[in-house]
Amino acid sequence: MINDSLLRGLGDQLGRFIGDAAAREDMQKSLETIVQGAFARLDLVTREQFDAQLGLLRQAREQIDRLEEELARAQQRLTELERDRE
């Protein structure tokens, strides 16, 4: 869900304060688990997922616009037919 390089970078930055390599590695793994859990609870999406949904919404909006125009034309034809019958 979240970019692994971001987590590694954050872990590396915090790890500079810990001299022991084993403790640093444990801290980085713990941090990664905590951050992933926090982001999972936030129900976030990736930029790619967001862009894909945005594209689908644009397509849907375009289709709705076309259908509204078609409906308006059909209503106009119906009105004209009703007028011609009178």
N, C-alpha and C. Protein backbone atom coordinates (compact mmCIF):
# COMPACT_ATOMS: atom_id res chain seq x y z
N MET A 1 0.81 -1.18 0.00
CA MET A 1 0.00 0.00 0.00
C MET A 1 0.86 1.25 0.00
N ILE A 2 1.85 1.30 0.85
CA ILE A 2 2.72 2.48 0.92
C ILE A 2 4.04 2.14 0.26
N ASN A 3 4.66 3.11 -0.29
CA ASN A 3 5.93 2.94 -0.99
C ASN A 3 6.99 2.40 -0.02
N ASP A 4 7.57 1.24 -0.36
CA ASP A 4 8.59 0.63 0.50
C ASP A 4 9.81 1.53 0.67
N SER A 5 10.17 2.27 -0.34
CA SER A 5 11.35 3.13 -0.23
C SER A 5 11.11 4.25 0.79
N LEU A 6 9.87 4.70 0.90
CA LEU A 6 9.55 5.71 1.92
C LEU A 6 9.76 5.13 3.31
N LEU A 7 9.28 3.91 3.52
CA LEU A 7 9.45 3.27 4.83
C LEU A 7 10.92 3.01 5.12
N ARG A 8 11.65 2.54 4.12
CA ARG A 8 13.08 2.28 4.32
C ARG A 8 13.82 3.58 4.65
N GLY A 9 13.48 4.63 3.93
CA GLY A 9 14.13 5.92 4.18
C GLY A 9 13.85 6.43 5.57
N LEU A 10 12.60 6.31 6.00
CA LEU A 10 12.25 6.73 7.35
C LEU A 10 12.98 5.88 8.38
N GLY A 11 13.01 4.58 8.13
CA GLY A 11 13.73 3.68 9.03
C GLY A 11 15.21 3.97 9.07
N ASP A 12 15.79 4.28 7.94
CA ASP A 12 17.22 4.62 7.88
C ASP A 12 17.52 5.90 8.67
N GLN A 13 16.66 6.88 8.49
CA GLN A 13 16.87 8.14 9.21
C GLN A 13 16.79 7.93 10.72
N LEU A 14 15.81 7.19 11.17
CA LEU A 14 15.69 6.94 12.60
C LEU A 14 16.79 5.99 13.08
N GLY A 15 17.21 5.08 12.21
CA GLY A 15 18.24 4.12 12.56
C GLY A 15 19.60 4.74 12.80
N ARG A 16 19.82 5.93 12.29
CA ARG A 16 21.11 6.61 12.50
C ARG A 16 21.35 6.93 13.97
N PHE A 17 20.27 7.00 14.71
CA PHE A 17 20.40 7.32 16.13
C PHE A 17 20.70 6.08 16.98
N ILE A 18 20.61 4.91 16.36
CA ILE A 18 20.86 3.66 17.09
C ILE A 18 22.16 3.07 16.55
N GLY A 19 23.13 2.86 17.44
CA GLY A 19 24.43 2.37 17.02
C GLY A 19 24.46 0.88 16.72
N ASP A 20 23.72 0.09 17.46
CA ASP A 20 23.72 -1.36 17.32
C ASP A 20 22.95 -1.76 16.05
N ALA A 21 23.62 -2.48 15.14
CA ALA A 21 23.01 -2.85 13.86
C ALA A 21 21.79 -3.74 14.06
N ALA A 22 21.87 -4.71 14.98
CA ALA A 22 20.74 -5.61 15.21
C ALA A 22 19.55 -4.85 15.77
N ALA A 23 19.80 -3.96 16.71
CA ALA A 23 18.72 -3.15 17.28
C ALA A 23 18.12 -2.23 16.23
N ARG A 24 18.97 -1.69 15.36
CA ARG A 24 18.50 -0.81 14.29
C ARG A 24 17.58 -1.58 13.34
N GLU A 25 17.99 -2.80 12.97
CA GLU A 25 17.19 -3.61 12.06
C GLU A 25 15.85 -3.96 12.70
N ASP A 26 15.86 -4.32 13.99
CA ASP A 26 14.62 -4.63 14.69
C ASP A 26 13.71 -3.40 14.74
N MET A 27 14.31 -2.26 15.01
CA MET A 27 13.54 -1.03 15.07
C MET A 27 12.93 -0.70 13.71
N GLN A 28 13.68 -0.90 12.64
CA GLN A 28 13.17 -0.61 11.30
C GLN A 28 12.02 -1.53 10.95
N LYS A 29 12.13 -2.81 11.30
CA LYS A 29 11.03 -3.75 11.03
C LYS A 29 9.80 -3.39 11.84
N SER A 30 10.00 -3.04 13.09
CA SER A 30 8.87 -2.64 13.95
C SER A 30 8.20 -1.39 13.41
N LEU A 31 9.02 -0.43 13.02
CA LEU A 31 8.49 0.81 12.48
C LEU A 31 7.68 0.54 11.21
N GLU A 32 8.21 -0.29 10.34
CA GLU A 32 7.50 -0.61 9.10
C GLU A 32 6.15 -1.24 9.41
N THR A 33 6.11 -2.16 10.36
CA THR A 33 4.86 -2.81 10.73
C THR A 33 3.87 -1.80 11.30
N ILE A 34 4.36 -0.92 12.17
CA ILE A 34 3.48 0.09 12.77
C ILE A 34 2.92 1.04 11.72
N VAL A 35 3.78 1.52 10.85
CA VAL A 35 3.35 2.49 9.83
C VAL A 35 2.38 1.84 8.84
N GLN A 36 2.68 0.62 8.41
CA GLN A 36 1.77 -0.06 7.49
C GLN A 36 0.41 -0.28 8.14
N GLY A 37 0.41 -0.66 9.41
CA GLY A 37 -0.85 -0.84 10.12
C GLY A 37 -1.64 0.45 10.22
N ALA A 38 -0.93 1.53 10.52
CA ALA A 38 -1.60 2.84 10.63
C ALA A 38 -2.19 3.25 9.29
N PHE A 39 -1.44 3.09 8.23
CA PHE A 39 -1.95 3.46 6.92
C PHE A 39 -3.08 2.54 6.48
N ALA A 40 -3.03 1.27 6.83
CA ALA A 40 -4.10 0.35 6.48
C ALA A 40 -5.41 0.77 7.16
N ARG A 41 -5.32 1.22 8.40
CA ARG A 41 -6.52 1.66 9.11
C ARG A 41 -7.08 2.95 8.49
N LEU A 42 -6.24 3.74 7.90
CA LEU A 42 -6.70 4.97 7.26
C LEU A 42 -7.41 4.71 5.94
N ASP A 43 -7.31 3.49 5.42
CA ASP A 43 -7.97 3.10 4.18
C ASP A 43 -7.53 3.99 3.02
N LEU A 44 -6.22 4.18 2.88
CA LEU A 44 -5.64 5.00 1.83
C LEU A 44 -5.53 4.21 0.52
N VAL A 45 -5.43 4.93 -0.57
CA VAL A 45 -5.20 4.31 -1.86
C VAL A 45 -3.93 4.89 -2.46
N THR A 46 -3.35 4.15 -3.40
CA THR A 46 -2.15 4.64 -4.07
C THR A 46 -2.55 5.71 -5.10
N ARG A 47 -1.58 6.45 -5.56
CA ARG A 47 -1.83 7.46 -6.59
C ARG A 47 -2.35 6.80 -7.86
N GLU A 48 -1.81 5.61 -8.18
CA GLU A 48 -2.25 4.89 -9.38
C GLU A 48 -3.72 4.50 -9.26
N GLN A 49 -4.12 4.02 -8.07
CA GLN A 49 -5.52 3.65 -7.86
C GLN A 49 -6.42 4.88 -7.96
N PHE A 50 -5.97 5.97 -7.38
CA PHE A 50 -6.73 7.21 -7.44
C PHE A 50 -6.90 7.68 -8.88
N ASP A 51 -5.81 7.68 -9.63
CA ASP A 51 -5.87 8.11 -11.04
C ASP A 51 -6.76 7.21 -11.87
N ALA A 52 -6.71 5.91 -11.60
CA ALA A 52 -7.57 4.97 -12.33
C ALA A 52 -9.05 5.26 -12.05
N GLN A 53 -9.39 5.48 -10.79
CA GLN A 53 -10.77 5.81 -10.44
C GLN A 53 -11.20 7.14 -11.03
N LEU A 54 -10.28 8.10 -11.03
CA LEU A 54 -10.59 9.40 -11.61
C LEU A 54 -10.90 9.26 -13.10
N GLY A 55 -10.13 8.43 -13.79
CA GLY A 55 -10.39 8.17 -15.21
C GLY A 55 -11.76 7.53 -15.43
N LEU A 56 -12.11 6.58 -14.58
CA LEU A 56 -13.43 5.94 -14.70
C LEU A 56 -14.55 6.94 -14.42
N LEU A 57 -14.34 7.80 -13.45
CA LEU A 57 -15.36 8.82 -13.16
C LEU A 57 -15.52 9.79 -14.32
N ARG A 58 -14.42 10.15 -14.96
CA ARG A 58 -14.51 11.05 -16.12
C ARG A 58 -15.28 10.38 -17.25
N GLN A 59 -14.99 9.11 -17.49
CA GLN A 59 -15.72 8.37 -18.52
C GLN A 59 -17.21 8.30 -18.20
N ALA A 60 -17.52 8.04 -16.95
CA ALA A 60 -18.92 7.95 -16.53
C ALA A 60 -19.61 9.30 -16.72
N ARG A 61 -18.91 10.40 -16.35
CA ARG A 61 -19.49 11.73 -16.51
C ARG A 61 -19.76 12.03 -17.97
N GLU A 62 -18.82 11.65 -18.85
CA GLU A 62 -19.01 11.88 -20.28
C GLU A 62 -20.20 11.08 -20.80
N GLN A 63 -20.34 9.85 -20.34
CA GLN A 63 -21.46 9.02 -20.78
C GLN A 63 -22.78 9.59 -20.26
N ILE A 64 -22.79 10.06 -19.03
CA ILE A 64 -24.00 10.69 -18.48
C ILE A 64 -24.37 11.92 -19.29
N ASP A 65 -23.37 12.73 -19.64
CA ASP A 65 -23.64 13.93 -20.45
C ASP A 65 -24.23 13.55 -21.80
N ARG A 66 -23.66 12.52 -22.44
CA ARG A 66 -24.20 12.07 -23.73
C ARG A 66 -25.63 11.57 -23.59
N LEU A 67 -25.89 10.81 -22.54
CA LEU A 67 -27.24 10.27 -22.33
C LEU A 67 -28.24 11.39 -22.02
N GLU A 68 -27.81 12.39 -21.27
CA GLU A 68 -28.70 13.53 -21.00
C GLU A 68 -29.04 14.27 -22.28
N GLU A 69 -28.05 14.44 -23.16
CA GLU A 69 -28.30 15.10 -24.45
C GLU A 69 -29.26 14.26 -25.29
N GLU A 70 -29.05 12.94 -25.31
CA GLU A 70 -29.92 12.06 -26.07
C GLU A 70 -31.34 12.09 -25.52
N LEU A 71 -31.48 12.11 -24.21
CA LEU A 71 -32.80 12.19 -23.59
C LEU A 71 -33.48 13.50 -23.93
N ALA A 72 -32.74 14.58 -23.90
CA ALA A 72 -33.32 15.89 -24.24
C ALA A 72 -33.81 15.89 -25.69
N ARG A 73 -33.03 15.30 -26.59
CA ARG A 73 -33.46 15.21 -28.00
C ARG A 73 -34.72 14.35 -28.13
N ALA A 74 -34.76 13.24 -27.42
CA ALA A 74 -35.93 12.35 -27.47
C ALA A 74 -37.16 13.05 -26.91
N GLN A 75 -37.00 13.79 -25.82
CA GLN A 75 -38.12 14.54 -25.26
C GLN A 75 -38.61 15.60 -26.22
N GLN A 76 -37.66 16.24 -26.90
CA GLN A 76 -38.03 17.26 -27.88
C GLN A 76 -38.81 16.64 -29.03
N ARG A 77 -38.36 15.49 -29.52
CA ARG A 77 -39.08 14.80 -30.62
C ARG A 77 -40.48 14.39 -30.17
N LEU A 78 -40.60 13.91 -28.93
CA LEU A 78 -41.89 13.51 -28.41
C LEU A 78 -42.83 14.70 -28.30
N THR A 79 -42.30 15.82 -27.85
CA THR A 79 -43.10 17.05 -27.75
C THR A 79 -43.57 17.47 -29.13
N GLU A 80 -42.69 17.39 -30.11
CA GLU A 80 -43.06 17.76 -31.48
C GLU A 80 -44.11 16.81 -32.05
N LEU A 81 -43.98 15.52 -31.77
CA LEU A 81 -44.98 14.55 -32.24
C LEU A 81 -46.34 14.80 -31.61
N GLU A 82 -46.36 15.12 -30.33
CA GLU A 82 -47.60 15.41 -29.64
C GLU A 82 -48.25 16.67 -30.18
N ARG A 83 -47.44 17.66 -30.52
CA ARG A 83 -47.94 18.90 -31.09
C ARG A 83 -48.52 18.65 -32.47
N ASP A 84 -47.87 17.79 -33.26
CA ASP A 84 -48.35 17.49 -34.62
C ASP A 84 -49.68 16.75 -34.57
N ARG A 85 -49.94 15.96 -33.54
CA ARG A 85 -51.20 15.22 -33.42
C ARG A 85 -52.37 16.14 -33.11
N GLU A 86 -52.10 17.25 -32.50
CA GLU A 86 -53.18 18.16 -32.11
C GLU A 86 -53.74 18.92 -33.25
